[in-house]
Amino acid sequence: MLKRVLFVALVALFAVGIAAAQQIKTDILGPHNVSGHGCASCHAPHSGAVGNAGTNAASGENYLWGRDFYTVTYTAFGGNTIPVTNTGAFAATDPRFHTAACMSCHDGNQTHVIGMNGTTVEKVEGTTVPTYLNDGTESLKNDHPVDVPYTPGGFNWAGTVDPATGAFTWSTTDAPTVQFTANYGRPVRFYGGTVNGVVGAYIECSTCHNPHSVNYSKGTYLGVKNAVEPTNFFIRGWYNTDNPNSNSGAQFCRSCHYSKSNEYVNLNTIVTQ
């Protein structure tokens, strides 16, 4: 009887492991292949959004962006507001482009995209989760803060922000920062620029998400340069949900959040797996 119970338990655990193993094995664009249109779904090689049956040619002046923007003001997690206009003419150094561009597809209140059903391809605990972020109220209050500057020191990792451009550089002398960088890398991307007169290294949607690769991340991991590791949800770093023992998902968040890291509590021998 005991053997039978143990066998059933093992089968259950195996089933849970299978349900959690959701890294998709496909072209790195994954769902951003958008019904076979690929790169041209977002980047029109000619004429801005007009080249993709939109209305505003000015949208293509940055990154050849080929989708219309809508006049809307988002309220973010911290209460800060992110205004977007339908002119589509973002300055080349405006950090807000890297949130507005994502929302031109992922705003379920303003736009529904052909080929996008509003749920993830990957699954969390066996079910899909939303990809339309706006909930119909121009609110991003239940999403990670965006359009806010990353301030080094304190509960964040050590580094410096260029006072003129907002470019961010991780510390190469602070021991915990150096150790974490060697172990996991720094896959996040900050956007140096000026928002409301404040120069900073800004966190935008694509700080955490690389829209060009849903399933693999290339970077320096465990001291190895140009290492390729699995990821999910277009996360910029090693984010391995195929391994139930992996701490790589937590490590990605810790690449910004020093106070949540092993190094913060002087556990310096825990590596990414």
C-alpha atoms as a PDB file:
ATOM      1  CA  MET A   1       0.000   0.000   0.000  1.00  0.00           C
ATOM      2  CA  LEU A   2       2.795   2.412   0.931  1.00  0.00           C
ATOM      3  CA  LYS A   3       4.556   1.710  -2.374  1.00  0.00           C
ATOM      4  CA  ARG A   4       1.337   2.481  -4.249  1.00  0.00           C
ATOM      5  CA  VAL A   5       0.908   5.805  -2.406  1.00  0.00           C
ATOM      6  CA  LEU A   6       4.516   6.758  -3.145  1.00  0.00           C
ATOM      7  CA  PHE A   7       4.073   5.843  -6.808  1.00  0.00           C
ATOM      8  CA  VAL A   8       0.929   7.994  -7.081  1.00  0.00           C
ATOM      9  CA  ALA A   9       2.736  10.892  -5.390  1.00  0.00           C
ATOM     10  CA  LEU A  10       5.643  10.619  -7.812  1.00  0.00           C
ATOM     11  CA  VAL A  11       3.267  10.564 -10.779  1.00  0.00           C
ATOM     12  CA  ALA A  12       1.532  13.675  -9.424  1.00  0.00           C
ATOM     13  CA  LEU A  13       4.823  15.486  -8.972  1.00  0.00           C
ATOM     14  CA  PHE A  14       5.888  14.493 -12.492  1.00  0.00           C
ATOM     15  CA  ALA A  15       2.608  15.846 -13.877  1.00  0.00           C
ATOM     16  CA  VAL A  16       3.118  19.148 -12.036  1.00  0.00           C
ATOM     17  CA  GLY A  17       6.638  19.356 -13.451  1.00  0.00           C
ATOM     18  CA  ILE A  18       5.348  18.811 -16.979  1.00  0.00           C
ATOM     19  CA  ALA A  19       2.641  21.450 -16.494  1.00  0.00           C
ATOM     20  CA  ALA A  20       5.239  23.973 -15.327  1.00  0.00           C
ATOM     21  CA  ALA A  21       7.633  23.321 -18.223  1.00  0.00           C
ATOM     22  CA  GLN A  22       6.347  25.961 -20.598  1.00  0.00           C
ATOM     23  CA  GLN A  23       9.316  27.354 -22.502  1.00  0.00           C
ATOM     24  CA  ILE A  24       8.133  27.447 -26.094  1.00  0.00           C
ATOM     25  CA  LYS A  25      10.358  25.868 -28.727  1.00  0.00           C
ATOM     26  CA  THR A  26       9.940  27.986 -31.827  1.00  0.00           C
ATOM     27  CA  ASP A  27      11.409  30.929 -33.714  1.00  0.00           C
ATOM     28  CA  ILE A  28      12.778  33.425 -31.192  1.00  0.00           C
ATOM     29  CA  LEU A  29      10.061  35.940 -32.156  1.00  0.00           C
ATOM     30  CA  GLY A  30       7.438  33.561 -30.783  1.00  0.00           C
ATOM     31  CA  PRO A  31       4.042  35.304 -30.647  1.00  0.00           C
ATOM     32  CA  HIS A  32       5.682  38.492 -31.948  1.00  0.00           C
ATOM     33  CA  ASN A  33       5.828  36.709 -35.302  1.00  0.00           C
ATOM     34  CA  VAL A  34       2.165  37.846 -35.458  1.00  0.00           C
ATOM     35  CA  SER A  35       0.558  35.437 -37.905  1.00  0.00           C
ATOM     36  CA  GLY A  36       3.667  35.221 -40.065  1.00  0.00           C
ATOM     37  CA  HIS A  37       4.182  38.963 -40.568  1.00  0.00           C
ATOM     38  CA  GLY A  38       7.218  38.951 -38.296  1.00  0.00           C
ATOM     39  CA  CYS A  39       9.254  42.128 -37.905  1.00  0.00           C
ATOM     40  CA  ALA A  40       6.979  44.128 -40.198  1.00  0.00           C
ATOM     41  CA  SER A  41       4.144  43.748 -37.684  1.00  0.00           C
ATOM     42  CA  CYS A  42       5.808  46.436 -35.600  1.00  0.00           C
ATOM     43  CA  HIS A  43       8.483  47.988 -37.832  1.00  0.00           C
ATOM     44  CA  ALA A  44       7.240  49.298 -41.166  1.00  0.00           C
ATOM     45  CA  PRO A  45      10.210  49.597 -43.550  1.00  0.00           C
ATOM     46  CA  HIS A  46       8.453  52.481 -45.309  1.00  0.00           C
ATOM     47  CA  SER A  47       6.032  55.283 -44.387  1.00  0.00           C
ATOM     48  CA  GLY A  48       5.623  54.687 -40.642  1.00  0.00           C
ATOM     49  CA  ALA A  49       2.236  53.482 -39.456  1.00  0.00           C
ATOM     50  CA  VAL A  50       0.751  54.426 -42.840  1.00  0.00           C
ATOM     51  CA  GLY A  51       2.825  51.601 -44.298  1.00  0.00           C
ATOM     52  CA  ASN A  52       0.896  49.199 -42.050  1.00  0.00           C
ATOM     53  CA  ALA A  53      -2.554  50.589 -42.885  1.00  0.00           C
ATOM     54  CA  GLY A  54      -2.374  53.063 -40.013  1.00  0.00           C
ATOM     55  CA  THR A  55      -2.850  56.816 -40.169  1.00  0.00           C
ATOM     56  CA  ASN A  56       0.341  58.479 -38.975  1.00  0.00           C
ATOM     57  CA  ALA A  57       3.544  58.531 -41.000  1.00  0.00           C
ATOM     58  CA  ALA A  58       5.396  60.293 -38.156  1.00  0.00           C
ATOM     59  CA  SER A  59       5.346  57.137 -36.036  1.00  0.00           C
ATOM     60  CA  GLY A  60       8.164  55.711 -38.161  1.00  0.00           C
ATOM     61  CA  GLU A  61      10.620  58.456 -37.245  1.00  0.00           C
ATOM     62  CA  ASN A  62      11.755  56.389 -34.266  1.00  0.00           C
ATOM     63  CA  TYR A  63      12.860  52.766 -34.758  1.00  0.00           C
ATOM     64  CA  LEU A  64      10.758  52.633 -37.963  1.00  0.00           C
ATOM     65  CA  TRP A  65       7.789  52.091 -35.646  1.00  0.00           C
ATOM     66  CA  GLY A  66       4.910  50.991 -37.841  1.00  0.00           C
ATOM     67  CA  ARG A  67       1.907  51.268 -35.527  1.00  0.00           C
ATOM     68  CA  ASP A  68      -0.346  54.171 -34.629  1.00  0.00           C
ATOM     69  CA  PHE A  69      -0.197  55.726 -31.188  1.00  0.00           C
ATOM     70  CA  TYR A  70      -3.361  56.855 -29.448  1.00  0.00           C
ATOM     71  CA  THR A  71      -3.916  59.964 -27.379  1.00  0.00           C
ATOM     72  CA  VAL A  72      -4.108  58.608 -23.860  1.00  0.00           C
ATOM     73  CA  THR A  73      -2.627  59.257 -20.410  1.00  0.00           C
ATOM     74  CA  TYR A  74      -1.642  56.202 -18.386  1.00  0.00           C
ATOM     75  CA  THR A  75      -1.437  56.273 -14.609  1.00  0.00           C
ATOM     76  CA  ALA A  76       1.389  54.028 -13.425  1.00  0.00           C
ATOM     77  CA  PHE A  77       2.008  52.114 -10.205  1.00  0.00           C
ATOM     78  CA  GLY A  78       3.581  55.037  -8.340  1.00  0.00           C
ATOM     79  CA  GLY A  79       0.930  57.524  -9.401  1.00  0.00           C
ATOM     80  CA  ASN A  80       3.094  59.070 -12.119  1.00  0.00           C
ATOM     81  CA  THR A  81       1.354  59.713 -15.416  1.00  0.00           C
ATOM     82  CA  ILE A  82       2.563  58.806 -18.902  1.00  0.00           C
ATOM     83  CA  PRO A  83       0.994  60.947 -21.621  1.00  0.00           C
ATOM     84  CA  VAL A  84       0.943  59.614 -25.176  1.00  0.00           C
ATOM     85  CA  THR A  85      -0.320  61.539 -28.197  1.00  0.00           C
ATOM     86  CA  ASN A  86      -1.389  60.321 -31.587  1.00  0.00           C
ATOM     87  CA  THR A  87       1.314  62.369 -33.324  1.00  0.00           C
ATOM     88  CA  GLY A  88       3.729  59.482 -32.909  1.00  0.00           C
ATOM     89  CA  ALA A  89       6.701  61.859 -33.075  1.00  0.00           C
ATOM     90  CA  PHE A  90       8.729  60.858 -30.025  1.00  0.00           C
ATOM     91  CA  ALA A  91      12.174  62.391 -29.665  1.00  0.00           C
ATOM     92  CA  ALA A  92      14.938  59.883 -30.318  1.00  0.00           C
ATOM     93  CA  THR A  93      16.077  60.084 -26.679  1.00  0.00           C
ATOM     94  CA  ASP A  94      12.621  60.054 -25.057  1.00  0.00           C
ATOM     95  CA  PRO A  95      12.487  57.079 -22.668  1.00  0.00           C
ATOM     96  CA  ARG A  96       8.698  57.005 -22.883  1.00  0.00           C
ATOM     97  CA  PHE A  97       8.806  55.623 -26.402  1.00  0.00           C
ATOM     98  CA  HIS A  98       9.874  52.285 -24.919  1.00  0.00           C
ATOM     99  CA  THR A  99       6.620  52.052 -22.985  1.00  0.00           C
ATOM    100  CA  ALA A 100       4.300  53.726 -25.494  1.00  0.00           C
ATOM    101  CA  ALA A 101       5.470  51.436 -28.304  1.00  0.00           C
ATOM    102  CA  CYS A 102       4.639  48.342 -26.267  1.00  0.00           C
ATOM    103  CA  MET A 103       1.248  49.718 -25.299  1.00  0.00           C
ATOM    104  CA  SER A 104       0.377  50.436 -28.933  1.00  0.00           C
ATOM    105  CA  CYS A 105      -0.216  46.671 -29.097  1.00  0.00           C
ATOM    106  CA  HIS A 106      -0.697  45.654 -25.469  1.00  0.00           C
ATOM    107  CA  ASP A 107      -3.328  48.245 -24.546  1.00  0.00           C
ATOM    108  CA  GLY A 108      -6.562  46.298 -24.643  1.00  0.00           C
ATOM    109  CA  ASN A 109      -8.570  49.477 -24.093  1.00  0.00           C
ATOM    110  CA  GLN A 110      -7.237  51.375 -27.109  1.00  0.00           C
ATOM    111  CA  THR A 111      -6.458  48.679 -29.616  1.00  0.00           C
ATOM    112  CA  HIS A 112      -6.961  45.017 -30.331  1.00  0.00           C
ATOM    113  CA  VAL A 113      -4.378  43.569 -32.655  1.00  0.00           C
ATOM    114  CA  ILE A 114      -5.258  41.059 -35.353  1.00  0.00           C
ATOM    115  CA  GLY A 115      -3.600  37.773 -34.458  1.00  0.00           C
ATOM    116  CA  MET A 116      -3.311  38.668 -30.759  1.00  0.00           C
ATOM    117  CA  ASN A 117      -5.848  37.022 -28.465  1.00  0.00           C
ATOM    118  CA  GLY A 118      -4.863  38.827 -25.276  1.00  0.00           C
ATOM    119  CA  THR A 119      -3.315  35.871 -23.472  1.00  0.00           C
ATOM    120  CA  THR A 120       0.201  34.501 -23.274  1.00  0.00           C
ATOM    121  CA  VAL A 121       1.460  31.611 -25.349  1.00  0.00           C
ATOM    122  CA  GLU A 122       3.341  30.338 -22.300  1.00  0.00           C
ATOM    123  CA  LYS A 123       1.427  29.140 -19.268  1.00  0.00           C
ATOM    124  CA  VAL A 124       1.755  29.909 -15.558  1.00  0.00           C
ATOM    125  CA  GLU A 125       0.691  27.032 -13.315  1.00  0.00           C
ATOM    126  CA  GLY A 126      -1.072  25.463 -16.270  1.00  0.00           C
ATOM    127  CA  THR A 127      -3.065  28.504 -17.373  1.00  0.00           C
ATOM    128  CA  THR A 128      -2.515  31.512 -19.618  1.00  0.00           C
ATOM    129  CA  VAL A 129      -2.224  35.059 -18.271  1.00  0.00           C
ATOM    130  CA  PRO A 130      -3.278  38.386 -19.829  1.00  0.00           C
ATOM    131  CA  THR A 131      -1.207  40.286 -22.364  1.00  0.00           C
ATOM    132  CA  TYR A 132      -3.655  43.200 -22.592  1.00  0.00           C
ATOM    133  CA  LEU A 133      -2.447  45.351 -19.712  1.00  0.00           C
ATOM    134  CA  ASN A 134      -4.833  48.271 -19.572  1.00  0.00           C
ATOM    135  CA  ASP A 135      -8.039  46.797 -18.126  1.00  0.00           C
ATOM    136  CA  GLY A 136     -10.059  49.504 -19.885  1.00  0.00           C
ATOM    137  CA  THR A 137      -9.205  52.373 -17.526  1.00  0.00           C
ATOM    138  CA  GLU A 138      -5.896  53.821 -18.808  1.00  0.00           C
ATOM    139  CA  SER A 139      -4.467  52.369 -15.615  1.00  0.00           C
ATOM    140  CA  LEU A 140      -1.142  50.614 -15.213  1.00  0.00           C
ATOM    141  CA  LYS A 141      -1.419  50.764 -11.425  1.00  0.00           C
ATOM    142  CA  ASN A 142      -1.314  46.983 -11.067  1.00  0.00           C
ATOM    143  CA  ASP A 143       1.803  46.636 -13.219  1.00  0.00           C
ATOM    144  CA  HIS A 144       5.490  47.058 -12.421  1.00  0.00           C
ATOM    145  CA  PRO A 145       6.442  50.753 -12.163  1.00  0.00           C
ATOM    146  CA  VAL A 146       7.501  52.276 -15.483  1.00  0.00           C
ATOM    147  CA  ASP A 147       8.776  55.674 -16.586  1.00  0.00           C
ATOM    148  CA  VAL A 148      10.638  56.043 -13.289  1.00  0.00           C
ATOM    149  CA  PRO A 149      14.414  56.454 -12.865  1.00  0.00           C
ATOM    150  CA  TYR A 150      16.622  53.761 -11.347  1.00  0.00           C
ATOM    151  CA  THR A 151      18.536  55.258  -8.428  1.00  0.00           C
ATOM    152  CA  PRO A 152      21.713  53.401  -7.399  1.00  0.00           C
ATOM    153  CA  GLY A 153      22.572  52.735  -3.762  1.00  0.00           C
ATOM    154  CA  GLY A 154      20.435  51.918  -0.751  1.00  0.00           C
ATOM    155  CA  PHE A 155      18.090  49.074  -1.652  1.00  0.00           C
ATOM    156  CA  ASN A 156      19.366  49.157  -5.252  1.00  0.00           C
ATOM    157  CA  TRP A 157      22.720  48.022  -6.619  1.00  0.00           C
ATOM    158  CA  ALA A 158      25.690  50.366  -6.672  1.00  0.00           C
ATOM    159  CA  GLY A 159      26.403  52.313  -9.834  1.00  0.00           C
ATOM    160  CA  THR A 160      26.512  55.763 -11.356  1.00  0.00           C
ATOM    161  CA  VAL A 161      24.135  57.822 -13.485  1.00  0.00           C
ATOM    162  CA  ASP A 162      25.609  60.269 -15.966  1.00  0.00           C
ATOM    163  CA  PRO A 163      24.161  63.668 -14.921  1.00  0.00           C
ATOM    164  CA  ALA A 164      24.032  64.875 -18.520  1.00  0.00           C
ATOM    165  CA  THR A 165      22.654  61.861 -20.407  1.00  0.00           C
ATOM    166  CA  GLY A 166      21.200  59.555 -17.741  1.00  0.00           C
ATOM    167  CA  ALA A 167      23.359  56.649 -18.930  1.00  0.00           C
ATOM    168  CA  PHE A 168      23.769  54.054 -16.158  1.00  0.00           C
ATOM    169  CA  THR A 169      26.971  52.195 -15.275  1.00  0.00           C
ATOM    170  CA  TRP A 170      27.111  49.344 -12.741  1.00  0.00           C
ATOM    171  CA  SER A 171      29.821  49.600 -10.105  1.00  0.00           C
ATOM    172  CA  THR A 172      33.043  47.684 -10.722  1.00  0.00           C
ATOM    173  CA  THR A 173      34.343  48.229  -7.172  1.00  0.00           C
ATOM    174  CA  ASP A 174      31.386  47.396  -4.914  1.00  0.00           C
ATOM    175  CA  ALA A 175      31.950  43.725  -3.995  1.00  0.00           C
ATOM    176  CA  PRO A 176      28.307  42.476  -3.947  1.00  0.00           C
ATOM    177  CA  THR A 177      27.571  44.261  -7.242  1.00  0.00           C
ATOM    178  CA  VAL A 178      30.630  42.767  -8.913  1.00  0.00           C
ATOM    179  CA  GLN A 179      29.829  39.291  -7.609  1.00  0.00           C
ATOM    180  CA  PHE A 180      26.225  39.333  -8.786  1.00  0.00           C
ATOM    181  CA  THR A 181      27.263  40.678 -12.185  1.00  0.00           C
ATOM    182  CA  ALA A 182      29.680  37.783 -12.656  1.00  0.00           C
ATOM    183  CA  ASN A 183      27.102  35.248 -11.488  1.00  0.00           C
ATOM    184  CA  TYR A 184      24.020  36.372 -13.364  1.00  0.00           C
ATOM    185  CA  GLY A 185      24.921  39.362 -15.520  1.00  0.00           C
ATOM    186  CA  ARG A 186      22.988  42.615 -15.997  1.00  0.00           C
ATOM    187  CA  PRO A 187      20.483  41.899 -18.752  1.00  0.00           C
ATOM    188  CA  VAL A 188      18.150  44.783 -17.892  1.00  0.00           C
ATOM    189  CA  ARG A 189      18.258  47.912 -20.039  1.00  0.00           C
ATOM    190  CA  PHE A 190      17.756  51.433 -18.716  1.00  0.00           C
ATOM    191  CA  TYR A 191      16.958  54.359 -20.983  1.00  0.00           C
ATOM    192  CA  GLY A 192      18.976  57.485 -20.359  1.00  0.00           C
ATOM    193  CA  GLY A 193      16.978  60.630 -20.955  1.00  0.00           C
ATOM    194  CA  THR A 194      14.953  63.469 -19.491  1.00  0.00           C
ATOM    195  CA  VAL A 195      11.363  63.137 -18.284  1.00  0.00           C
ATOM    196  CA  ASN A 196       9.587  66.136 -16.759  1.00  0.00           C
ATOM    197  CA  GLY A 197      12.917  67.920 -16.538  1.00  0.00           C
ATOM    198  CA  VAL A 198      14.589  65.086 -14.599  1.00  0.00           C
ATOM    199  CA  VAL A 199      17.642  63.411 -16.139  1.00  0.00           C
ATOM    200  CA  GLY A 200      17.830  59.750 -15.218  1.00  0.00           C
ATOM    201  CA  ALA A 201      18.240  56.105 -16.182  1.00  0.00           C
ATOM    202  CA  TYR A 202      14.591  55.286 -16.801  1.00  0.00           C
ATOM    203  CA  ILE A 203      12.746  52.004 -16.343  1.00  0.00           C
ATOM    204  CA  GLU A 204      10.355  51.398 -19.214  1.00  0.00           C
ATOM    205  CA  CYS A 205       8.528  48.281 -20.446  1.00  0.00           C
ATOM    206  CA  SER A 206      11.500  47.097 -22.485  1.00  0.00           C
ATOM    207  CA  THR A 207      13.836  47.486 -19.522  1.00  0.00           C
ATOM    208  CA  CYS A 208      12.712  43.986 -18.571  1.00  0.00           C
ATOM    209  CA  HIS A 209      11.383  42.654 -21.876  1.00  0.00           C
ATOM    210  CA  ASN A 210      13.277  42.093 -25.109  1.00  0.00           C
ATOM    211  CA  PRO A 211      10.508  42.042 -27.737  1.00  0.00           C
ATOM    212  CA  HIS A 212      12.771  40.232 -30.199  1.00  0.00           C
ATOM    213  CA  SER A 213      13.379  36.972 -28.316  1.00  0.00           C
ATOM    214  CA  VAL A 214      10.727  35.084 -26.384  1.00  0.00           C
ATOM    215  CA  ASN A 215      12.701  31.977 -25.484  1.00  0.00           C
ATOM    216  CA  TYR A 216      16.461  32.617 -25.277  1.00  0.00           C
ATOM    217  CA  SER A 217      18.729  35.209 -23.707  1.00  0.00           C
ATOM    218  CA  LYS A 218      22.351  35.863 -24.629  1.00  0.00           C
ATOM    219  CA  GLY A 219      24.691  37.453 -22.098  1.00  0.00           C
ATOM    220  CA  THR A 220      27.414  36.925 -19.517  1.00  0.00           C
ATOM    221  CA  TYR A 221      26.344  34.217 -17.087  1.00  0.00           C
ATOM    222  CA  LEU A 222      28.526  32.505 -14.461  1.00  0.00           C
ATOM    223  CA  GLY A 223      31.482  34.389 -15.906  1.00  0.00           C
ATOM    224  CA  VAL A 224      30.946  33.081 -19.442  1.00  0.00           C
ATOM    225  CA  LYS A 225      30.470  35.771 -22.074  1.00  0.00           C
ATOM    226  CA  ASN A 226      27.873  35.334 -24.819  1.00  0.00           C
ATOM    227  CA  ALA A 227      26.285  32.383 -23.047  1.00  0.00           C
ATOM    228  CA  VAL A 228      22.821  31.461 -24.312  1.00  0.00           C
ATOM    229  CA  GLU A 229      20.257  30.518 -21.659  1.00  0.00           C
ATOM    230  CA  PRO A 230      16.507  29.808 -21.804  1.00  0.00           C
ATOM    231  CA  THR A 231      13.976  32.494 -21.002  1.00  0.00           C
ATOM    232  CA  ASN A 232      10.216  33.064 -21.221  1.00  0.00           C
ATOM    233  CA  PHE A 233       7.758  35.940 -21.665  1.00  0.00           C
ATOM    234  CA  PHE A 234      10.363  37.931 -23.638  1.00  0.00           C
ATOM    235  CA  ILE A 235      12.281  38.442 -20.372  1.00  0.00           C
ATOM    236  CA  ARG A 236      15.729  39.901 -21.118  1.00  0.00           C
ATOM    237  CA  GLY A 237      17.652  37.469 -18.889  1.00  0.00           C
ATOM    238  CA  TRP A 238      17.981  33.823 -17.900  1.00  0.00           C
ATOM    239  CA  TYR A 239      14.434  32.865 -16.804  1.00  0.00           C
ATOM    240  CA  ASN A 240      14.183  29.094 -16.887  1.00  0.00           C
ATOM    241  CA  THR A 241      10.742  27.730 -16.005  1.00  0.00           C
ATOM    242  CA  ASP A 242      11.653  24.323 -17.428  1.00  0.00           C
ATOM    243  CA  ASN A 243      13.795  23.666 -14.344  1.00  0.00           C
ATOM    244  CA  PRO A 244      11.679  23.445 -11.156  1.00  0.00           C
ATOM    245  CA  ASN A 245      14.811  23.975  -9.057  1.00  0.00           C
ATOM    246  CA  SER A 246      15.979  27.045 -10.937  1.00  0.00           C
ATOM    247  CA  ASN A 247      16.416  30.381  -9.173  1.00  0.00           C
ATOM    248  CA  SER A 248      16.982  32.183 -12.470  1.00  0.00           C
ATOM    249  CA  GLY A 249      13.560  33.846 -12.379  1.00  0.00           C
ATOM    250  CA  ALA A 250      14.328  35.361  -8.992  1.00  0.00           C
ATOM    251  CA  GLN A 251      17.797  36.326 -10.173  1.00  0.00           C
ATOM    252  CA  PHE A 252      16.336  38.353 -13.015  1.00  0.00           C
ATOM    253  CA  CYS A 253      14.345  40.487 -10.578  1.00  0.00           C
ATOM    254  CA  ARG A 254      17.403  40.759  -8.351  1.00  0.00           C
ATOM    255  CA  SER A 255      19.416  42.205 -11.215  1.00  0.00           C
ATOM    256  CA  CYS A 256      17.749  45.485 -10.150  1.00  0.00           C
ATOM    257  CA  HIS A 257      16.570  44.712  -6.611  1.00  0.00           C
ATOM    258  CA  TYR A 258      19.696  44.423  -4.474  1.00  0.00           C
ATOM    259  CA  SER A 259      17.784  44.161  -1.181  1.00  0.00           C
ATOM    260  CA  LYS A 260      16.090  40.956  -2.409  1.00  0.00           C
ATOM    261  CA  SER A 261      19.358  39.258  -3.377  1.00  0.00           C
ATOM    262  CA  ASN A 262      21.375  36.534  -1.673  1.00  0.00           C
ATOM    263  CA  GLU A 263      24.337  38.903  -1.557  1.00  0.00           C
ATOM    264  CA  TYR A 264      22.329  41.417   0.493  1.00  0.00           C
ATOM    265  CA  VAL A 265      22.165  38.928   3.369  1.00  0.00           C
ATOM    266  CA  ASN A 266      25.781  37.816   2.822  1.00  0.00           C
ATOM    267  CA  LEU A 267      24.929  34.516   1.117  1.00  0.00           C
ATOM    268  CA  ASN A 268      27.699  34.785  -1.419  1.00  0.00           C
ATOM    269  CA  THR A 269      27.980  31.174  -2.575  1.00  0.00           C
ATOM    270  CA  ILE A 270      24.506  30.818  -4.164  1.00  0.00           C
ATOM    271  CA  VAL A 271      24.827  30.686  -7.949  1.00  0.00           C
ATOM    272  CA  THR A 272      22.255  30.794 -10.702  1.00  0.00           C
ATOM    273  CA  GLN A 273      20.959  27.478 -12.004  1.00  0.00           C
END
